[in-house]
């Protein structure tokens, strides 16, 4: 559908052109930044025939554009759903992929992504970790094992060489933040450098590293980082 984020590729441009976005910092128009060159040109980019129909080779085709999920796969990060033979469309509905007729600014806008853990799963009653925080924690706060980020994207190489060159992908960490709905959930960060300018952004990120057994209360509240924080407060 022409209004979907896959078709409009609006998300990256919308964040880039915000008053506090990367574009405002480096003073390079979006169309000259090279960011939009990798986005889909039509249905046949994903579907198996030139008419834009036929099967989609999942998750291979999806990982070709969804870079952080691709990085997870290359780094050997596992997910209980993929391990059990699930593919992207087993969770992501047609509305997620082809849109629901609304033009969204980004995938983080309410309604842009419909799927949620509770569509298939319900909290196990009597489990302390499922009850103590009520609805203040999203499932991924405990069940995402790790997130990833490609640390330090040099904008100069993107502009001059038309190649994204990251220092290295980082994984093996979890960062929690408050989302727009006030829930604590997993997030990640992105950094960029151009000449003397540096840019850091934080946002929700649902890593595809789901584990059936989530973290316990002690994993967070008695963690090494919390002990370090307590000693410095």
C-alpha atoms as a PDB file:
ATOM      1  CA  UNK A   1       0.000   0.000   0.000  1.00  0.00           C
ATOM      2  CA  UNK A   2       1.342   3.406  -1.000  1.00  0.00           C
ATOM      3  CA  UNK A   3       0.726   4.850   2.479  1.00  0.00           C
ATOM      4  CA  UNK A   4       2.776   2.240   4.351  1.00  0.00           C
ATOM      5  CA  UNK A   5       6.123   3.069   5.919  1.00  0.00           C
ATOM      6  CA  UNK A   6       7.725   0.513   3.608  1.00  0.00           C
ATOM      7  CA  UNK A   7       6.447   2.525   0.648  1.00  0.00           C
ATOM      8  CA  UNK A   8       6.983   6.056   1.951  1.00  0.00           C
ATOM      9  CA  UNK A   9      10.248   5.403   3.818  1.00  0.00           C
ATOM     10  CA  UNK A  10       9.064   8.361   5.863  1.00  0.00           C
ATOM     11  CA  UNK A  11      10.440   7.287   9.219  1.00  0.00           C
ATOM     12  CA  UNK A  12      14.117   7.977   8.683  1.00  0.00           C
ATOM     13  CA  UNK A  13      13.490  11.298   6.961  1.00  0.00           C
ATOM     14  CA  UNK A  14      11.050  12.451   9.648  1.00  0.00           C
ATOM     15  CA  UNK A  15      13.563  11.841  12.430  1.00  0.00           C
ATOM     16  CA  UNK A  16      16.413  13.290  10.392  1.00  0.00           C
ATOM     17  CA  UNK A  17      14.563  16.557   9.705  1.00  0.00           C
ATOM     18  CA  UNK A  18      13.260  17.181  13.211  1.00  0.00           C
ATOM     19  CA  UNK A  19      14.470  20.424  14.844  1.00  0.00           C
ATOM     20  CA  UNK A  20      16.671  18.304  17.136  1.00  0.00           C
ATOM     21  CA  UNK A  21      17.501  15.726  14.448  1.00  0.00           C
ATOM     22  CA  UNK A  22      20.792  14.852  12.803  1.00  0.00           C
ATOM     23  CA  UNK A  23      20.088  17.057   9.787  1.00  0.00           C
ATOM     24  CA  UNK A  24      19.845  20.175  11.936  1.00  0.00           C
ATOM     25  CA  UNK A  25      23.267  19.413  13.402  1.00  0.00           C
ATOM     26  CA  UNK A  26      25.249  18.614  10.263  1.00  0.00           C
ATOM     27  CA  UNK A  27      23.393  21.038   7.911  1.00  0.00           C
ATOM     28  CA  UNK A  28      23.058  18.520   5.076  1.00  0.00           C
ATOM     29  CA  UNK A  29      19.643  18.171   3.357  1.00  0.00           C
ATOM     30  CA  UNK A  30      18.158  14.696   3.630  1.00  0.00           C
ATOM     31  CA  UNK A  31      18.185  14.133  -0.135  1.00  0.00           C
ATOM     32  CA  UNK A  32      21.963  14.725  -0.137  1.00  0.00           C
ATOM     33  CA  UNK A  33      22.718  12.621   2.925  1.00  0.00           C
ATOM     34  CA  UNK A  34      22.443   9.227   1.239  1.00  0.00           C
ATOM     35  CA  UNK A  35      20.204   7.873   3.986  1.00  0.00           C
ATOM     36  CA  UNK A  36      17.239   7.136   1.745  1.00  0.00           C
ATOM     37  CA  UNK A  37      19.099   5.315  -1.019  1.00  0.00           C
ATOM     38  CA  UNK A  38      18.573   1.861   0.431  1.00  0.00           C
ATOM     39  CA  UNK A  39      14.792   2.054   0.781  1.00  0.00           C
ATOM     40  CA  UNK A  40      12.367  -0.025  -1.240  1.00  0.00           C
ATOM     41  CA  UNK A  41      11.405   1.110  -4.719  1.00  0.00           C
ATOM     42  CA  UNK A  42       8.391  -1.161  -5.087  1.00  0.00           C
ATOM     43  CA  UNK A  43       6.670  -4.416  -4.217  1.00  0.00           C
ATOM     44  CA  UNK A  44       9.097  -6.542  -6.233  1.00  0.00           C
ATOM     45  CA  UNK A  45      11.943  -5.536  -3.921  1.00  0.00           C
ATOM     46  CA  UNK A  46      10.433  -7.925  -1.390  1.00  0.00           C
ATOM     47  CA  UNK A  47       8.142 -10.242  -3.351  1.00  0.00           C
ATOM     48  CA  UNK A  48       9.542 -13.002  -5.509  1.00  0.00           C
ATOM     49  CA  UNK A  49       8.336 -11.914  -8.950  1.00  0.00           C
ATOM     50  CA  UNK A  50       8.611  -8.705 -10.953  1.00  0.00           C
ATOM     51  CA  UNK A  51       4.890  -7.982 -10.623  1.00  0.00           C
ATOM     52  CA  UNK A  52       5.250  -7.547  -6.881  1.00  0.00           C
ATOM     53  CA  UNK A  53       3.424 -10.723  -5.978  1.00  0.00           C
ATOM     54  CA  UNK A  54       4.543 -14.168  -4.890  1.00  0.00           C
ATOM     55  CA  UNK A  55       6.214 -15.323  -1.713  1.00  0.00           C
ATOM     56  CA  UNK A  56       8.715 -13.359   0.345  1.00  0.00           C
ATOM     57  CA  UNK A  57      11.863 -15.210   1.398  1.00  0.00           C
ATOM     58  CA  UNK A  58      11.720 -14.663   5.158  1.00  0.00           C
ATOM     59  CA  UNK A  59      13.655 -13.603   7.102  1.00  0.00           C
ATOM     60  CA  UNK A  60      16.365 -13.197   4.433  1.00  0.00           C
ATOM     61  CA  UNK A  61      14.588 -10.464   2.465  1.00  0.00           C
ATOM     62  CA  UNK A  62      13.489  -8.611   5.616  1.00  0.00           C
ATOM     63  CA  UNK A  63      17.002  -8.645   7.080  1.00  0.00           C
ATOM     64  CA  UNK A  64      18.334  -7.076   3.889  1.00  0.00           C
ATOM     65  CA  UNK A  65      16.891  -3.725   5.014  1.00  0.00           C
ATOM     66  CA  UNK A  66      16.278  -4.130   8.734  1.00  0.00           C
ATOM     67  CA  UNK A  67      19.911  -3.654   9.620  1.00  0.00           C
ATOM     68  CA  UNK A  68      19.913  -4.114  13.350  1.00  0.00           C
ATOM     69  CA  UNK A  69      18.026  -7.394  13.079  1.00  0.00           C
ATOM     70  CA  UNK A  70      20.523  -8.370  10.386  1.00  0.00           C
ATOM     71  CA  UNK A  71      23.372  -7.491  12.739  1.00  0.00           C
ATOM     72  CA  UNK A  72      21.806  -9.655  15.448  1.00  0.00           C
ATOM     73  CA  UNK A  73      21.763 -12.614  13.059  1.00  0.00           C
ATOM     74  CA  UNK A  74      25.405 -12.079  12.033  1.00  0.00           C
ATOM     75  CA  UNK A  75      26.461 -11.802  15.670  1.00  0.00           C
ATOM     76  CA  UNK A  76      24.774 -15.106  16.506  1.00  0.00           C
ATOM     77  CA  UNK A  77      22.046 -13.571  18.680  1.00  0.00           C
ATOM     78  CA  UNK A  78      19.178 -16.048  18.990  1.00  0.00           C
ATOM     79  CA  UNK A  79      15.443 -15.570  19.458  1.00  0.00           C
ATOM     80  CA  UNK A  80      13.007 -18.162  20.801  1.00  0.00           C
ATOM     81  CA  UNK A  81      10.564 -17.439  17.964  1.00  0.00           C
ATOM     82  CA  UNK A  82      13.093 -17.905  15.153  1.00  0.00           C
ATOM     83  CA  UNK A  83      14.508 -20.959  16.934  1.00  0.00           C
ATOM     84  CA  UNK A  84      11.042 -22.514  16.785  1.00  0.00           C
ATOM     85  CA  UNK A  85      10.614 -21.885  13.058  1.00  0.00           C
ATOM     86  CA  UNK A  86       8.661 -18.635  13.140  1.00  0.00           C
ATOM     87  CA  UNK A  87       9.165 -16.025  10.426  1.00  0.00           C
ATOM     88  CA  UNK A  88       8.478 -12.293  10.445  1.00  0.00           C
ATOM     89  CA  UNK A  89       4.914 -12.479   9.131  1.00  0.00           C
ATOM     90  CA  UNK A  90       3.922 -14.944  11.867  1.00  0.00           C
ATOM     91  CA  UNK A  91       3.951 -11.952  14.214  1.00  0.00           C
ATOM     92  CA  UNK A  92       3.780  -8.891  11.963  1.00  0.00           C
ATOM     93  CA  UNK A  93       0.363  -8.514  10.373  1.00  0.00           C
ATOM     94  CA  UNK A  94      -0.435  -7.213   6.909  1.00  0.00           C
ATOM     95  CA  UNK A  95      -1.168  -3.815   8.501  1.00  0.00           C
ATOM     96  CA  UNK A  96       2.331  -3.763   9.991  1.00  0.00           C
ATOM     97  CA  UNK A  97       3.907  -4.522   6.636  1.00  0.00           C
ATOM     98  CA  UNK A  98       1.579  -2.956   4.052  1.00  0.00           C
ATOM     99  CA  UNK A  99       0.065  -0.247   6.255  1.00  0.00           C
ATOM    100  CA  UNK A 100      -3.480   0.411   7.405  1.00  0.00           C
ATOM    101  CA  UNK A 101      -4.155   3.423   5.165  1.00  0.00           C
ATOM    102  CA  UNK A 102      -2.695   5.980   7.569  1.00  0.00           C
ATOM    103  CA  UNK A 103       0.501   7.832   6.711  1.00  0.00           C
ATOM    104  CA  UNK A 104       2.654   7.479   9.838  1.00  0.00           C
ATOM    105  CA  UNK A 105       5.725   9.542  10.592  1.00  0.00           C
ATOM    106  CA  UNK A 106       7.655   6.578  11.950  1.00  0.00           C
ATOM    107  CA  UNK A 107       7.275   3.065  13.295  1.00  0.00           C
ATOM    108  CA  UNK A 108       7.298   4.503  16.822  1.00  0.00           C
ATOM    109  CA  UNK A 109       4.040   6.374  16.282  1.00  0.00           C
ATOM    110  CA  UNK A 110       0.969   4.785  17.901  1.00  0.00           C
ATOM    111  CA  UNK A 111      -0.771   2.500  15.420  1.00  0.00           C
ATOM    112  CA  UNK A 112       2.150   2.099  13.021  1.00  0.00           C
ATOM    113  CA  UNK A 113       3.105  -1.295  14.464  1.00  0.00           C
ATOM    114  CA  UNK A 114       0.179  -3.355  15.672  1.00  0.00           C
ATOM    115  CA  UNK A 115       1.830  -6.498  16.999  1.00  0.00           C
ATOM    116  CA  UNK A 116       2.555  -6.918  20.688  1.00  0.00           C
ATOM    117  CA  UNK A 117       3.577  -9.793  22.896  1.00  0.00           C
ATOM    118  CA  UNK A 118       0.124 -10.015  24.478  1.00  0.00           C
ATOM    119  CA  UNK A 119      -1.368 -10.942  21.111  1.00  0.00           C
ATOM    120  CA  UNK A 120      -0.126 -14.474  21.721  1.00  0.00           C
ATOM    121  CA  UNK A 121       1.047 -14.540  25.336  1.00  0.00           C
ATOM    122  CA  UNK A 122      -0.526 -13.791  28.688  1.00  0.00           C
ATOM    123  CA  UNK A 123       1.287 -13.187  31.956  1.00  0.00           C
ATOM    124  CA  UNK A 124       1.726 -16.316  34.028  1.00  0.00           C
ATOM    125  CA  UNK A 125      -0.254 -15.772  37.269  1.00  0.00           C
ATOM    126  CA  UNK A 126       1.601 -15.941  40.555  1.00  0.00           C
ATOM    127  CA  UNK A 127       4.987 -15.041  39.083  1.00  0.00           C
ATOM    128  CA  UNK A 128       6.453 -12.229  41.162  1.00  0.00           C
ATOM    129  CA  UNK A 129       8.099 -10.525  38.207  1.00  0.00           C
ATOM    130  CA  UNK A 130       4.740 -10.428  36.395  1.00  0.00           C
ATOM    131  CA  UNK A 131       2.865  -8.782  39.244  1.00  0.00           C
ATOM    132  CA  UNK A 132       5.146  -6.487  41.230  1.00  0.00           C
ATOM    133  CA  UNK A 133       5.324  -3.728  38.582  1.00  0.00           C
ATOM    134  CA  UNK A 134       1.801  -4.134  37.233  1.00  0.00           C
ATOM    135  CA  UNK A 135       1.513  -2.646  33.759  1.00  0.00           C
ATOM    136  CA  UNK A 136       4.524  -0.375  34.195  1.00  0.00           C
ATOM    137  CA  UNK A 137       6.915  -2.794  32.483  1.00  0.00           C
ATOM    138  CA  UNK A 138       6.656  -3.921  28.890  1.00  0.00           C
ATOM    139  CA  UNK A 139       7.368  -7.622  28.341  1.00  0.00           C
ATOM    140  CA  UNK A 140      10.582  -6.861  26.460  1.00  0.00           C
ATOM    141  CA  UNK A 141      12.083  -5.157  29.533  1.00  0.00           C
ATOM    142  CA  UNK A 142      12.692  -8.638  30.920  1.00  0.00           C
ATOM    143  CA  UNK A 143      12.482 -10.964  27.925  1.00  0.00           C
ATOM    144  CA  UNK A 144      14.827  -9.210  25.461  1.00  0.00           C
ATOM    145  CA  UNK A 145      18.231 -10.717  26.182  1.00  0.00           C
ATOM    146  CA  UNK A 146      20.302  -8.079  24.412  1.00  0.00           C
ATOM    147  CA  UNK A 147      20.060  -5.138  22.052  1.00  0.00           C
ATOM    148  CA  UNK A 148      22.508  -4.018  19.374  1.00  0.00           C
ATOM    149  CA  UNK A 149      23.812  -0.779  17.987  1.00  0.00           C
ATOM    150  CA  UNK A 150      26.305   0.083  15.293  1.00  0.00           C
ATOM    151  CA  UNK A 151      28.397   2.502  17.276  1.00  0.00           C
ATOM    152  CA  UNK A 152      29.762   5.655  15.665  1.00  0.00           C
ATOM    153  CA  UNK A 153      28.478   6.062  12.117  1.00  0.00           C
ATOM    154  CA  UNK A 154      30.808   8.467  10.310  1.00  0.00           C
ATOM    155  CA  UNK A 155      28.645  10.757   8.195  1.00  0.00           C
ATOM    156  CA  UNK A 156      31.710  11.922   6.225  1.00  0.00           C
ATOM    157  CA  UNK A 157      32.152   8.478   4.673  1.00  0.00           C
ATOM    158  CA  UNK A 158      28.446   8.294   3.863  1.00  0.00           C
ATOM    159  CA  UNK A 159      28.585  11.649   2.072  1.00  0.00           C
ATOM    160  CA  UNK A 160      31.951  11.227   0.370  1.00  0.00           C
ATOM    161  CA  UNK A 161      32.197   7.480  -0.308  1.00  0.00           C
ATOM    162  CA  UNK A 162      28.448   6.683  -0.261  1.00  0.00           C
ATOM    163  CA  UNK A 163      29.123   3.877   2.210  1.00  0.00           C
ATOM    164  CA  UNK A 164      28.043   3.416   5.795  1.00  0.00           C
ATOM    165  CA  UNK A 165      31.073   2.618   7.888  1.00  0.00           C
ATOM    166  CA  UNK A 166      30.479   1.901  11.547  1.00  0.00           C
ATOM    167  CA  UNK A 167      33.269   1.498  14.063  1.00  0.00           C
ATOM    168  CA  UNK A 168      31.825  -1.853  15.096  1.00  0.00           C
ATOM    169  CA  UNK A 169      28.499  -3.409  16.113  1.00  0.00           C
ATOM    170  CA  UNK A 170      27.921  -3.620  19.852  1.00  0.00           C
ATOM    171  CA  UNK A 171      25.705  -6.150  21.595  1.00  0.00           C
ATOM    172  CA  UNK A 172      25.554  -7.926  24.946  1.00  0.00           C
ATOM    173  CA  UNK A 173      23.844  -5.109  26.823  1.00  0.00           C
ATOM    174  CA  UNK A 174      20.330  -4.003  27.735  1.00  0.00           C
ATOM    175  CA  UNK A 175      19.211  -0.402  28.144  1.00  0.00           C
ATOM    176  CA  UNK A 176      15.843   0.449  29.683  1.00  0.00           C
ATOM    177  CA  UNK A 177      13.924   3.670  29.105  1.00  0.00           C
ATOM    178  CA  UNK A 178      10.413   5.110  29.355  1.00  0.00           C
ATOM    179  CA  UNK A 179       8.441   4.999  26.128  1.00  0.00           C
ATOM    180  CA  UNK A 180       5.835   7.540  25.004  1.00  0.00           C
ATOM    181  CA  UNK A 181       3.134   5.604  26.886  1.00  0.00           C
ATOM    182  CA  UNK A 182       5.033   5.653  30.167  1.00  0.00           C
ATOM    183  CA  UNK A 183       6.046   2.001  30.103  1.00  0.00           C
ATOM    184  CA  UNK A 184       9.579   0.894  30.884  1.00  0.00           C
ATOM    185  CA  UNK A 185      10.940  -1.036  27.931  1.00  0.00           C
ATOM    186  CA  UNK A 186      14.114  -1.863  26.076  1.00  0.00           C
ATOM    187  CA  UNK A 187      15.852   0.845  24.095  1.00  0.00           C
ATOM    188  CA  UNK A 188      19.103   1.491  22.302  1.00  0.00           C
ATOM    189  CA  UNK A 189      21.126   4.411  21.017  1.00  0.00           C
ATOM    190  CA  UNK A 190      22.689   5.660  17.807  1.00  0.00           C
ATOM    191  CA  UNK A 191      25.713   7.910  17.519  1.00  0.00           C
ATOM    192  CA  UNK A 192      27.041   9.784  14.520  1.00  0.00           C
ATOM    193  CA  UNK A 193      30.055  11.980  13.813  1.00  0.00           C
ATOM    194  CA  UNK A 194      30.655  14.593  11.114  1.00  0.00           C
ATOM    195  CA  UNK A 195      33.766  16.711  11.291  1.00  0.00           C
ATOM    196  CA  UNK A 196      33.691  18.228  14.785  1.00  0.00           C
ATOM    197  CA  UNK A 197      29.993  17.521  15.328  1.00  0.00           C
ATOM    198  CA  UNK A 198      28.706  14.562  17.343  1.00  0.00           C
ATOM    199  CA  UNK A 199      25.147  13.316  17.667  1.00  0.00           C
ATOM    200  CA  UNK A 200      23.535  10.816  20.060  1.00  0.00           C
ATOM    201  CA  UNK A 201      19.918   9.645  20.008  1.00  0.00           C
ATOM    202  CA  UNK A 202      18.103   7.216  22.309  1.00  0.00           C
ATOM    203  CA  UNK A 203      14.842   5.447  21.537  1.00  0.00           C
ATOM    204  CA  UNK A 204      12.767   2.292  22.080  1.00  0.00           C
ATOM    205  CA  UNK A 205      14.171  -0.775  20.353  1.00  0.00           C
ATOM    206  CA  UNK A 206      12.543  -4.188  20.521  1.00  0.00           C
ATOM    207  CA  UNK A 207      15.514  -6.481  20.011  1.00  0.00           C
ATOM    208  CA  UNK A 208      14.768  -9.825  18.366  1.00  0.00           C
ATOM    209  CA  UNK A 209      16.597 -11.742  21.067  1.00  0.00           C
ATOM    210  CA  UNK A 210      13.575 -12.930  23.036  1.00  0.00           C
ATOM    211  CA  UNK A 211      14.093 -15.572  25.705  1.00  0.00           C
ATOM    212  CA  UNK A 212      11.350 -17.749  27.162  1.00  0.00           C
ATOM    213  CA  UNK A 213      12.742 -17.231  30.657  1.00  0.00           C
ATOM    214  CA  UNK A 214      12.985 -13.550  31.483  1.00  0.00           C
ATOM    215  CA  UNK A 215      15.189 -11.708  33.912  1.00  0.00           C
ATOM    216  CA  UNK A 216      14.401 -11.932  37.609  1.00  0.00           C
ATOM    217  CA  UNK A 217      14.037  -9.052  40.065  1.00  0.00           C
ATOM    218  CA  UNK A 218      17.588  -9.606  41.323  1.00  0.00           C
ATOM    219  CA  UNK A 219      19.019  -9.445  37.816  1.00  0.00           C
ATOM    220  CA  UNK A 220      18.087  -5.754  37.752  1.00  0.00           C
ATOM    221  CA  UNK A 221      17.786  -4.587  41.334  1.00  0.00           C
ATOM    222  CA  UNK A 222      20.901  -6.331  42.630  1.00  0.00           C
ATOM    223  CA  UNK A 223      22.944  -6.037  39.468  1.00  0.00           C
ATOM    224  CA  UNK A 224      26.557  -4.911  39.342  1.00  0.00           C
ATOM    225  CA  UNK A 225      25.511  -1.540  37.908  1.00  0.00           C
ATOM    226  CA  UNK A 226      22.984  -0.902  40.689  1.00  0.00           C
ATOM    227  CA  UNK A 227      25.595  -1.808  43.307  1.00  0.00           C
ATOM    228  CA  UNK A 228      27.974   0.666  41.655  1.00  0.00           C
ATOM    229  CA  UNK A 229      25.267   3.340  41.615  1.00  0.00           C
ATOM    230  CA  UNK A 230      24.436   2.781  45.273  1.00  0.00           C
ATOM    231  CA  UNK A 231      28.069   3.257  46.210  1.00  0.00           C
ATOM    232  CA  UNK A 232      28.270   6.595  44.441  1.00  0.00           C
ATOM    233  CA  UNK A 233      24.970   8.107  45.610  1.00  0.00           C
END
